[in-house]
Amino acid sequence: MSDMVQATLEEKLAKSMDNLKEELNAVRAGRANPALLDRVEVEYYGTPTPLKQLANVSAPDPHTLLVTPFDPKSVGDIERAILAANIGINPANDGKAVRLSIPQLTEERRKELAKQAKGIGEEAKVAARNLRRKANDDIKKEEKNGELTEDDVKEALDDIQKIVDKAIKDIDEIVAGKEKEIMEV
């Protein structure tokens, strides 16, 4: 039974890592990255719709994002949605597409963004620790119900700790990579 607890833990940690990567992609690093607009939702015919479903987002050069809508009539809606998303970049609408010029980051802003990335990493670590606590509780419940022996419990708890330690190490590496990207001039 404890194998199921570990499998569930590993699955939830993997989802947590994917979420961390997604969160970090939304942090601007001074370079044009289409993932910057992943969370933008456009009010399209009265329905909030992800920008990805309405337009092609590309990076023609390192400091420009080009949003080309599939329906040219939606350019204004897309521009308003980007402004409302508050990503700190003013869109320019040429009637057919929306251009976003990514400004160079100041040293102060880079440090701020690095701190933000660290905060996102800390949240991911807290989530990993919470998952560990739940897995440990599940193992202890199994012991209480007589499904596991004391030795099995000790081994399972050690395995859970190792899994979470590896996840936290991975989180640190991902965040360090993002910080390096942010601090690069």
N, C-alpha and C. Protein backbone atom coordinates (compact mmCIF):
# COMPACT_ATOMS: atom_id res chain seq x y z
N MET A 1 0.83 -1.21 0.00
CA MET A 1 0.00 0.00 0.00
C MET A 1 0.87 1.26 0.00
N SER A 2 2.01 1.22 0.70
CA SER A 2 2.86 2.41 0.80
C SER A 2 3.42 2.80 -0.57
N ASP A 3 3.49 1.81 -1.50
CA ASP A 3 3.94 2.12 -2.85
C ASP A 3 2.98 3.10 -3.52
N MET A 4 1.69 2.93 -3.22
CA MET A 4 0.68 3.82 -3.79
C MET A 4 0.85 5.24 -3.23
N VAL A 5 1.16 5.35 -1.96
CA VAL A 5 1.38 6.66 -1.33
C VAL A 5 2.57 7.34 -2.00
N GLN A 6 3.65 6.58 -2.23
CA GLN A 6 4.84 7.15 -2.87
C GLN A 6 4.55 7.55 -4.31
N ALA A 7 3.81 6.72 -5.04
CA ALA A 7 3.48 7.04 -6.43
C ALA A 7 2.64 8.32 -6.50
N THR A 8 1.68 8.45 -5.58
CA THR A 8 0.85 9.65 -5.52
C THR A 8 1.71 10.86 -5.22
N LEU A 9 2.64 10.71 -4.27
CA LEU A 9 3.54 11.81 -3.90
C LEU A 9 4.38 12.24 -5.11
N GLU A 10 4.96 11.26 -5.81
CA GLU A 10 5.79 11.59 -6.97
C GLU A 10 4.97 12.28 -8.06
N GLU A 11 3.75 11.83 -8.28
CA GLU A 11 2.87 12.42 -9.29
C GLU A 11 2.55 13.87 -8.93
N LYS A 12 2.21 14.10 -7.66
CA LYS A 12 1.87 15.46 -7.22
C LYS A 12 3.08 16.38 -7.25
N LEU A 13 4.26 15.84 -6.93
CA LEU A 13 5.49 16.65 -7.00
C LEU A 13 5.80 17.02 -8.45
N ALA A 14 5.56 16.10 -9.37
CA ALA A 14 5.79 16.39 -10.79
C ALA A 14 4.87 17.52 -11.27
N LYS A 15 3.61 17.47 -10.83
CA LYS A 15 2.66 18.53 -11.19
C LYS A 15 3.12 19.87 -10.58
N SER A 16 3.62 19.80 -9.36
CA SER A 16 4.12 21.00 -8.67
C SER A 16 5.30 21.60 -9.43
N MET A 17 6.19 20.74 -9.95
CA MET A 17 7.35 21.21 -10.73
C MET A 17 6.89 21.87 -12.03
N ASP A 18 5.90 21.26 -12.70
CA ASP A 18 5.37 21.84 -13.93
C ASP A 18 4.79 23.22 -13.65
N ASN A 19 4.07 23.32 -12.54
CA ASN A 19 3.48 24.59 -12.15
C ASN A 19 4.57 25.62 -11.87
N LEU A 20 5.64 25.21 -11.21
CA LEU A 20 6.77 26.11 -10.92
C LEU A 20 7.36 26.65 -12.22
N LYS A 21 7.59 25.76 -13.18
CA LYS A 21 8.17 26.18 -14.46
C LYS A 21 7.25 27.17 -15.17
N GLU A 22 5.95 26.90 -15.11
CA GLU A 22 4.97 27.78 -15.74
C GLU A 22 4.99 29.16 -15.08
N GLU A 23 5.03 29.17 -13.73
CA GLU A 23 5.08 30.43 -12.98
C GLU A 23 6.34 31.22 -13.35
N LEU A 24 7.47 30.53 -13.41
CA LEU A 24 8.73 31.21 -13.71
C LEU A 24 8.77 31.72 -15.15
N ASN A 25 8.10 31.03 -16.07
CA ASN A 25 8.04 31.50 -17.46
C ASN A 25 7.34 32.84 -17.56
N ALA A 26 6.40 33.09 -16.65
CA ALA A 26 5.66 34.34 -16.67
C ALA A 26 6.49 35.51 -16.12
N VAL A 27 7.63 35.21 -15.48
CA VAL A 27 8.50 36.27 -14.97
C VAL A 27 9.36 36.77 -16.13
N ARG A 28 9.28 38.06 -16.37
CA ARG A 28 9.97 38.66 -17.50
C ARG A 28 11.46 38.69 -17.24
N ALA A 29 12.27 38.29 -18.22
CA ALA A 29 13.72 38.24 -18.03
C ALA A 29 14.46 39.16 -18.99
N GLY A 30 13.77 40.17 -19.54
CA GLY A 30 14.44 41.10 -20.42
C GLY A 30 14.60 40.59 -21.85
N ARG A 31 14.13 39.40 -22.08
CA ARG A 31 14.22 38.80 -23.40
C ARG A 31 12.80 38.44 -23.83
N ALA A 32 12.50 38.60 -25.11
CA ALA A 32 11.16 38.29 -25.60
C ALA A 32 10.92 36.78 -25.50
N ASN A 33 9.88 36.41 -24.78
CA ASN A 33 9.53 35.01 -24.59
C ASN A 33 8.01 34.90 -24.73
N PRO A 34 7.51 34.18 -25.74
CA PRO A 34 6.06 34.06 -25.92
C PRO A 34 5.32 33.56 -24.67
N ALA A 35 6.01 32.83 -23.81
CA ALA A 35 5.38 32.32 -22.58
C ALA A 35 4.95 33.46 -21.65
N LEU A 36 5.50 34.64 -21.87
CA LEU A 36 5.15 35.82 -21.07
C LEU A 36 3.66 36.12 -21.16
N LEU A 37 3.04 35.76 -22.28
CA LEU A 37 1.62 36.05 -22.51
C LEU A 37 0.72 34.84 -22.26
N ASP A 38 1.26 33.75 -21.72
CA ASP A 38 0.47 32.53 -21.51
C ASP A 38 -0.76 32.74 -20.64
N ARG A 39 -0.68 33.65 -19.67
CA ARG A 39 -1.80 33.83 -18.74
C ARG A 39 -2.80 34.89 -19.18
N VAL A 40 -2.54 35.53 -20.31
CA VAL A 40 -3.42 36.60 -20.77
C VAL A 40 -4.71 36.00 -21.32
N GLU A 41 -5.84 36.51 -20.81
CA GLU A 41 -7.15 36.07 -21.30
C GLU A 41 -7.83 37.25 -21.96
N VAL A 42 -8.36 37.02 -23.15
CA VAL A 42 -8.99 38.06 -23.95
C VAL A 42 -10.51 37.89 -23.87
N GLU A 43 -11.22 38.99 -23.66
CA GLU A 43 -12.69 38.98 -23.69
C GLU A 43 -13.09 38.92 -25.16
N TYR A 44 -13.43 37.73 -25.65
CA TYR A 44 -13.72 37.52 -27.06
C TYR A 44 -15.17 37.11 -27.22
N TYR A 45 -15.97 37.98 -27.80
CA TYR A 45 -17.42 37.75 -27.91
C TYR A 45 -18.03 37.40 -26.56
N GLY A 46 -17.62 38.14 -25.53
CA GLY A 46 -18.19 37.98 -24.20
C GLY A 46 -17.66 36.82 -23.40
N THR A 47 -16.68 36.09 -23.93
CA THR A 47 -16.14 34.93 -23.22
C THR A 47 -14.64 35.12 -22.98
N PRO A 48 -14.17 34.96 -21.73
CA PRO A 48 -12.72 35.05 -21.51
C PRO A 48 -12.04 33.85 -22.19
N THR A 49 -11.14 34.15 -23.12
CA THR A 49 -10.48 33.12 -23.92
C THR A 49 -8.97 33.29 -23.82
N PRO A 50 -8.21 32.20 -23.59
CA PRO A 50 -6.75 32.32 -23.56
C PRO A 50 -6.22 32.90 -24.88
N LEU A 51 -5.26 33.81 -24.77
CA LEU A 51 -4.68 34.47 -25.94
C LEU A 51 -4.17 33.46 -26.97
N LYS A 52 -3.59 32.35 -26.48
CA LYS A 52 -3.03 31.33 -27.37
C LYS A 52 -4.07 30.77 -28.34
N GLN A 53 -5.36 30.79 -27.94
CA GLN A 53 -6.41 30.25 -28.80
C GLN A 53 -6.88 31.26 -29.85
N LEU A 54 -6.49 32.54 -29.66
CA LEU A 54 -6.96 33.58 -30.57
C LEU A 54 -5.89 34.11 -31.50
N ALA A 55 -4.62 33.85 -31.16
CA ALA A 55 -3.55 34.46 -31.93
C ALA A 55 -2.28 33.64 -31.88
N ASN A 56 -1.41 33.93 -32.84
CA ASN A 56 -0.09 33.32 -32.88
C ASN A 56 0.87 34.30 -32.20
N VAL A 57 1.60 33.85 -31.20
CA VAL A 57 2.55 34.71 -30.49
C VAL A 57 3.96 34.26 -30.87
N SER A 58 4.75 35.19 -31.43
CA SER A 58 6.10 34.85 -31.84
C SER A 58 7.08 35.92 -31.36
N ALA A 59 8.36 35.58 -31.40
CA ALA A 59 9.42 36.51 -31.02
C ALA A 59 10.33 36.70 -32.23
N PRO A 60 10.02 37.68 -33.11
CA PRO A 60 10.84 37.88 -34.31
C PRO A 60 12.28 38.30 -34.00
N ASP A 61 12.49 38.95 -32.86
CA ASP A 61 13.85 39.28 -32.42
C ASP A 61 13.87 39.24 -30.89
N PRO A 62 15.05 39.31 -30.25
CA PRO A 62 15.13 39.13 -28.80
C PRO A 62 14.39 40.19 -27.96
N HIS A 63 13.98 41.30 -28.59
CA HIS A 63 13.33 42.35 -27.80
C HIS A 63 11.93 42.69 -28.28
N THR A 64 11.33 41.81 -29.09
CA THR A 64 9.98 42.08 -29.60
C THR A 64 9.14 40.81 -29.58
N LEU A 65 7.89 40.98 -29.15
CA LEU A 65 6.89 39.91 -29.27
C LEU A 65 5.87 40.37 -30.29
N LEU A 66 5.48 39.48 -31.18
CA LEU A 66 4.49 39.80 -32.20
C LEU A 66 3.28 38.90 -31.99
N VAL A 67 2.12 39.53 -31.77
CA VAL A 67 0.88 38.80 -31.57
C VAL A 67 0.04 38.99 -32.83
N THR A 68 -0.14 37.92 -33.61
CA THR A 68 -0.90 37.98 -34.86
C THR A 68 -2.21 37.23 -34.67
N PRO A 69 -3.32 37.96 -34.56
CA PRO A 69 -4.61 37.30 -34.32
C PRO A 69 -5.09 36.52 -35.55
N PHE A 70 -5.80 35.43 -35.30
CA PHE A 70 -6.38 34.65 -36.38
C PHE A 70 -7.55 35.43 -36.98
N ASP A 71 -8.22 36.21 -36.14
CA ASP A 71 -9.33 37.06 -36.58
C ASP A 71 -8.87 38.52 -36.44
N PRO A 72 -8.59 39.22 -37.55
CA PRO A 72 -8.06 40.58 -37.48
C PRO A 72 -8.96 41.55 -36.69
N LYS A 73 -10.25 41.25 -36.57
CA LYS A 73 -11.17 42.13 -35.83
C LYS A 73 -10.87 42.11 -34.32
N SER A 74 -10.15 41.10 -33.85
CA SER A 74 -9.92 40.97 -32.41
C SER A 74 -8.66 41.71 -31.93
N VAL A 75 -7.98 42.45 -32.82
CA VAL A 75 -6.74 43.14 -32.45
C VAL A 75 -6.96 44.07 -31.26
N GLY A 76 -8.05 44.86 -31.29
CA GLY A 76 -8.33 45.79 -30.19
C GLY A 76 -8.56 45.07 -28.87
N ASP A 77 -9.31 43.96 -28.93
CA ASP A 77 -9.59 43.18 -27.71
C ASP A 77 -8.29 42.61 -27.13
N ILE A 78 -7.42 42.14 -28.02
CA ILE A 78 -6.14 41.57 -27.58
C ILE A 78 -5.28 42.65 -26.93
N GLU A 79 -5.25 43.83 -27.54
CA GLU A 79 -4.47 44.94 -26.99
C GLU A 79 -4.98 45.31 -25.59
N ARG A 80 -6.30 45.41 -25.43
CA ARG A 80 -6.89 45.73 -24.11
C ARG A 80 -6.54 44.65 -23.08
N ALA A 81 -6.60 43.39 -23.50
CA ALA A 81 -6.31 42.29 -22.57
C ALA A 81 -4.86 42.32 -22.11
N ILE A 82 -3.94 42.65 -23.01
CA ILE A 82 -2.52 42.72 -22.64
C ILE A 82 -2.30 43.88 -21.66
N LEU A 83 -2.95 45.01 -21.92
CA LEU A 83 -2.86 46.14 -20.98
C LEU A 83 -3.43 45.75 -19.61
N ALA A 84 -4.58 45.06 -19.62
CA ALA A 84 -5.23 44.66 -18.37
C ALA A 84 -4.42 43.61 -17.60
N ALA A 85 -3.61 42.82 -18.33
CA ALA A 85 -2.82 41.76 -17.69
C ALA A 85 -1.70 42.35 -16.82
N ASN A 86 -1.41 43.63 -17.01
CA ASN A 86 -0.44 44.33 -16.17
C ASN A 86 0.93 43.65 -16.15
N ILE A 87 1.47 43.38 -17.34
CA ILE A 87 2.79 42.75 -17.42
C ILE A 87 3.90 43.79 -17.57
N GLY A 88 3.51 45.07 -17.56
CA GLY A 88 4.51 46.13 -17.59
C GLY A 88 5.03 46.47 -18.97
N ILE A 89 4.31 46.08 -20.01
CA ILE A 89 4.73 46.37 -21.38
C ILE A 89 3.53 46.95 -22.11
N ASN A 90 3.72 48.08 -22.77
CA ASN A 90 2.63 48.69 -23.53
C ASN A 90 2.60 48.13 -24.94
N PRO A 91 1.44 47.59 -25.35
CA PRO A 91 1.32 47.04 -26.69
C PRO A 91 1.15 48.14 -27.74
N ALA A 92 1.62 47.88 -28.94
CA ALA A 92 1.43 48.78 -30.08
C ALA A 92 0.61 48.04 -31.12
N ASN A 93 -0.51 48.64 -31.52
CA ASN A 93 -1.45 48.00 -32.43
C ASN A 93 -1.30 48.64 -33.81
N ASP A 94 -1.01 47.84 -34.84
CA ASP A 94 -0.88 48.40 -36.20
C ASP A 94 -2.09 48.04 -37.07
N GLY A 95 -3.17 47.58 -36.44
CA GLY A 95 -4.38 47.24 -37.19
C GLY A 95 -4.47 45.77 -37.58
N LYS A 96 -3.31 45.12 -37.78
CA LYS A 96 -3.29 43.71 -38.16
C LYS A 96 -2.70 42.83 -37.07
N ALA A 97 -1.80 43.42 -36.28
CA ALA A 97 -1.10 42.67 -35.23
C ALA A 97 -0.78 43.60 -34.07
N VAL A 98 -0.35 43.00 -32.97
CA VAL A 98 0.05 43.76 -31.78
C VAL A 98 1.52 43.47 -31.54
N ARG A 99 2.31 44.53 -31.42
CA ARG A 99 3.74 44.39 -31.13
C ARG A 99 4.00 44.81 -29.69
N LEU A 100 4.86 44.05 -29.04
CA LEU A 100 5.29 44.39 -27.68
C LEU A 100 6.81 44.53 -27.70
N SER A 101 7.29 45.72 -27.38
CA SER A 101 8.74 45.93 -27.29
C SER A 101 9.16 45.69 -25.86
N ILE A 102 10.03 44.71 -25.69
CA ILE A 102 10.51 44.35 -24.36
C ILE A 102 11.69 45.27 -24.03
N PRO A 103 11.53 46.17 -23.05
CA PRO A 103 12.65 47.07 -22.72
C PRO A 103 13.76 46.33 -21.98
N GLN A 104 14.98 46.86 -22.10
CA GLN A 104 16.09 46.31 -21.32
C GLN A 104 15.79 46.55 -19.85
N LEU A 105 16.15 45.62 -19.02
CA LEU A 105 15.89 45.75 -17.59
C LEU A 105 17.02 46.51 -16.90
N THR A 106 16.64 47.32 -15.93
CA THR A 106 17.66 47.99 -15.12
C THR A 106 18.18 46.98 -14.10
N GLU A 107 19.33 47.26 -13.52
CA GLU A 107 19.92 46.37 -12.52
C GLU A 107 18.96 46.18 -11.34
N GLU A 108 18.33 47.27 -10.93
CA GLU A 108 17.39 47.23 -9.80
C GLU A 108 16.21 46.31 -10.13
N ARG A 109 15.67 46.46 -11.34
CA ARG A 109 14.53 45.64 -11.75
C ARG A 109 14.94 44.16 -11.87
N ARG A 110 16.16 43.91 -12.33
CA ARG A 110 16.65 42.53 -12.41
C ARG A 110 16.68 41.89 -11.02
N LYS A 111 17.18 42.65 -10.05
CA LYS A 111 17.25 42.13 -8.66
C LYS A 111 15.85 41.86 -8.13
N GLU A 112 14.91 42.76 -8.45
CA GLU A 112 13.53 42.60 -8.02
C GLU A 112 12.92 41.31 -8.61
N LEU A 113 13.17 41.10 -9.91
CA LEU A 113 12.64 39.91 -10.58
C LEU A 113 13.30 38.64 -10.05
N ALA A 114 14.60 38.71 -9.74
CA ALA A 114 15.29 37.55 -9.17
C ALA A 114 14.68 37.21 -7.81
N LYS A 115 14.36 38.24 -7.04
CA LYS A 115 13.74 38.04 -5.73
C LYS A 115 12.35 37.40 -5.91
N GLN A 116 11.62 37.87 -6.92
CA GLN A 116 10.30 37.31 -7.23
C GLN A 116 10.43 35.83 -7.59
N ALA A 117 11.43 35.49 -8.40
CA ALA A 117 11.65 34.10 -8.79
C ALA A 117 11.96 33.24 -7.57
N LYS A 118 12.78 33.79 -6.65
CA LYS A 118 13.09 33.06 -5.41
C LYS A 118 11.82 32.81 -4.60
N GLY A 119 10.94 33.81 -4.55
CA GLY A 119 9.68 33.68 -3.82
C GLY A 119 8.82 32.57 -4.40
N ILE A 120 8.77 32.51 -5.72
CA ILE A 120 7.99 31.46 -6.40
C ILE A 120 8.60 30.10 -6.06
N GLY A 121 9.94 30.04 -6.03
CA GLY A 121 10.63 28.80 -5.65
C GLY A 121 10.31 28.38 -4.23
N GLU A 122 10.27 29.36 -3.32
CA GLU A 122 9.95 29.07 -1.92
C GLU A 122 8.54 28.50 -1.79
N GLU A 123 7.59 29.08 -2.56
CA GLU A 123 6.22 28.56 -2.54
C GLU A 123 6.18 27.10 -3.00
N ALA A 124 6.99 26.79 -4.01
CA ALA A 124 7.05 25.41 -4.52
C ALA A 124 7.63 24.47 -3.46
N LYS A 125 8.63 24.95 -2.71
CA LYS A 125 9.22 24.13 -1.65
C LYS A 125 8.20 23.87 -0.54
N VAL A 126 7.43 24.91 -0.20
CA VAL A 126 6.39 24.75 0.83
C VAL A 126 5.38 23.71 0.37
N ALA A 127 5.00 23.78 -0.91
CA ALA A 127 4.05 22.80 -1.46
C ALA A 127 4.65 21.39 -1.35
N ALA A 128 5.94 21.25 -1.66
CA ALA A 128 6.59 19.93 -1.58
C ALA A 128 6.58 19.42 -0.14
N ARG A 129 6.85 20.31 0.81
CA ARG A 129 6.85 19.89 2.22
C ARG A 129 5.46 19.50 2.68
N ASN A 130 4.45 20.22 2.19
CA ASN A 130 3.07 19.87 2.54
C ASN A 130 2.70 18.49 1.98
N LEU A 131 3.17 18.22 0.77
CA LEU A 131 2.93 16.90 0.17
C LEU A 131 3.63 15.81 0.98
N ARG A 132 4.84 16.12 1.48
CA ARG A 132 5.57 15.15 2.32
C ARG A 132 4.76 14.86 3.59
N ARG A 133 4.27 15.93 4.22
CA ARG A 133 3.51 15.74 5.46
C ARG A 133 2.29 14.87 5.22
N LYS A 134 1.57 15.12 4.11
CA LYS A 134 0.38 14.32 3.81
C LYS A 134 0.76 12.85 3.56
N ALA A 135 1.85 12.63 2.81
CA ALA A 135 2.30 11.26 2.55
C ALA A 135 2.69 10.55 3.85
N ASN A 136 3.40 11.28 4.73
CA ASN A 136 3.78 10.70 6.02
C ASN A 136 2.54 10.35 6.84
N ASP A 137 1.54 11.22 6.83
CA ASP A 137 0.30 10.95 7.56
C ASP A 137 -0.40 9.71 7.01
N ASP A 138 -0.39 9.58 5.67
CA ASP A 138 -1.03 8.42 5.05
C ASP A 138 -0.32 7.12 5.47
N ILE A 139 1.01 7.16 5.51
CA ILE A 139 1.79 5.98 5.94
C ILE A 139 1.45 5.63 7.39
N LYS A 140 1.39 6.65 8.25
CA LYS A 140 1.09 6.41 9.67
C LYS A 140 -0.32 5.85 9.86
N LYS A 141 -1.25 6.28 9.00
CA LYS A 141 -2.61 5.74 9.05
C LYS A 141 -2.60 4.25 8.70
N GLU A 142 -1.80 3.92 7.68
CA GLU A 142 -1.70 2.51 7.27
C GLU A 142 -1.11 1.67 8.41
N GLU A 143 -0.14 2.24 9.13
CA GLU A 143 0.45 1.51 10.26
C GLU A 143 -0.60 1.31 11.35
N LYS A 144 -1.36 2.35 11.62
CA LYS A 144 -2.40 2.30 12.66
C LYS A 144 -3.46 1.25 12.32
N ASN A 145 -3.75 1.12 11.00
CA ASN A 145 -4.74 0.13 10.55
C ASN A 145 -4.15 -1.28 10.48
N GLY A 146 -2.87 -1.42 10.80
CA GLY A 146 -2.23 -2.73 10.81
C GLY A 146 -1.81 -3.22 9.43
N GLU A 147 -1.78 -2.32 8.43
CA GLU A 147 -1.40 -2.72 7.07
C GLU A 147 0.11 -2.76 6.89
N LEU A 148 0.85 -2.04 7.75
CA LEU A 148 2.31 -1.98 7.63
C LEU A 148 2.97 -2.30 8.97
N THR A 149 4.15 -2.90 8.89
CA THR A 149 4.92 -3.15 10.11
C THR A 149 5.74 -1.90 10.43
N GLU A 150 6.32 -1.87 11.62
CA GLU A 150 7.12 -0.72 12.05
C GLU A 150 8.31 -0.51 11.11
N ASP A 151 8.95 -1.61 10.67
CA ASP A 151 10.09 -1.51 9.76
C ASP A 151 9.66 -0.95 8.39
N ASP A 152 8.50 -1.42 7.92
CA ASP A 152 7.98 -0.92 6.64
C ASP A 152 7.71 0.58 6.72
N VAL A 153 7.18 1.01 7.85
CA VAL A 153 6.86 2.43 8.05
C VAL A 153 8.15 3.25 8.01
N LYS A 154 9.17 2.77 8.74
CA LYS A 154 10.44 3.51 8.79
C LYS A 154 11.04 3.61 7.38
N GLU A 155 11.02 2.51 6.65
CA GLU A 155 11.55 2.50 5.28
C GLU A 155 10.75 3.44 4.37
N ALA A 156 9.42 3.40 4.49
CA ALA A 156 8.55 4.25 3.66
C ALA A 156 8.79 5.73 3.96
N LEU A 157 8.92 6.07 5.25
CA LEU A 157 9.16 7.46 5.62
C LEU A 157 10.51 7.95 5.09
N ASP A 158 11.52 7.06 5.14
CA ASP A 158 12.85 7.41 4.58
C ASP A 158 12.75 7.66 3.07
N ASP A 159 12.01 6.78 2.39
CA ASP A 159 11.85 6.92 0.93
C ASP A 159 11.14 8.24 0.59
N ILE A 160 10.11 8.55 1.35
CA ILE A 160 9.37 9.80 1.13
C ILE A 160 10.30 11.00 1.31
N GLN A 161 11.12 10.94 2.37
CA GLN A 161 12.06 12.04 2.63
C GLN A 161 13.04 12.21 1.46
N LYS A 162 13.54 11.07 0.94
CA LYS A 162 14.48 11.14 -0.19
C LYS A 162 13.82 11.74 -1.42
N ILE A 163 12.58 11.36 -1.69
CA ILE A 163 11.84 11.88 -2.85
C ILE A 163 11.68 13.39 -2.73
N VAL A 164 11.28 13.85 -1.55
CA VAL A 164 11.06 15.28 -1.33
C VAL A 164 12.39 16.05 -1.37
N ASP A 165 13.45 15.48 -0.80
CA ASP A 165 14.76 16.13 -0.86
C ASP A 165 15.20 16.34 -2.31
N LYS A 166 14.99 15.33 -3.15
CA LYS A 166 15.36 15.45 -4.56
C LYS A 166 14.52 16.54 -5.24
N ALA A 167 13.23 16.58 -4.92
CA ALA A 167 12.34 17.59 -5.51
C ALA A 167 12.79 18.99 -5.12
N ILE A 168 13.17 19.17 -3.85
CA ILE A 168 13.61 20.49 -3.39
C ILE A 168 14.92 20.88 -4.07
N LYS A 169 15.80 19.91 -4.27
CA LYS A 169 17.06 20.17 -4.98
C LYS A 169 16.76 20.60 -6.43
N ASP A 170 15.80 19.91 -7.06
CA ASP A 170 15.40 20.26 -8.43
C ASP A 170 14.80 21.67 -8.48
N ILE A 171 13.98 22.00 -7.50
CA ILE A 171 13.38 23.35 -7.42
C ILE A 171 14.49 24.39 -7.34
N ASP A 172 15.48 24.15 -6.47
CA ASP A 172 16.60 25.09 -6.32
C ASP A 172 17.34 25.28 -7.65
N GLU A 173 17.55 24.19 -8.38
CA GLU A 173 18.25 24.27 -9.67
C GLU A 173 17.44 25.06 -10.69
N ILE A 174 16.14 24.82 -10.74
CA ILE A 174 15.27 25.53 -11.70
C ILE A 174 15.28 27.02 -11.39
N VAL A 175 15.14 27.37 -10.10
CA VAL A 175 15.11 28.78 -9.70
C VAL A 175 16.46 29.43 -9.97
N ALA A 176 17.56 28.72 -9.70
CA ALA A 176 18.91 29.27 -9.96
C ALA A 176 19.09 29.55 -11.45
N GLY A 177 18.58 28.66 -12.29
CA GLY A 177 18.66 28.86 -13.74
C GLY A 177 17.89 30.10 -14.17
N LYS A 178 16.71 30.30 -13.58
CA LYS A 178 15.89 31.47 -13.92
C LYS A 178 16.59 32.75 -13.42
N GLU A 179 17.16 32.70 -12.22
CA GLU A 179 17.88 33.87 -11.68
C GLU A 179 19.05 34.23 -12.59
N LYS A 180 19.75 33.23 -13.07
CA LYS A 180 20.91 33.47 -13.97
C LYS A 180 20.41 34.14 -15.25
N GLU A 181 19.28 33.63 -15.78
CA GLU A 181 18.69 34.20 -17.01
C GLU A 181 18.30 35.66 -16.77
N ILE A 182 17.71 35.95 -15.61
CA ILE A 182 17.26 37.30 -15.29
C ILE A 182 18.47 38.26 -15.15
N MET A 183 19.52 37.79 -14.49
CA MET A 183 20.66 38.66 -14.21
C MET A 183 21.58 38.86 -15.42
N GLU A 184 21.39 38.03 -16.47
CA GLU A 184 22.19 38.15 -17.70
C GLU A 184 21.85 39.47 -18.39
N VAL A 185 22.87 40.20 -18.79
CA VAL A 185 22.62 41.47 -19.47
C VAL A 185 22.66 41.27 -20.96
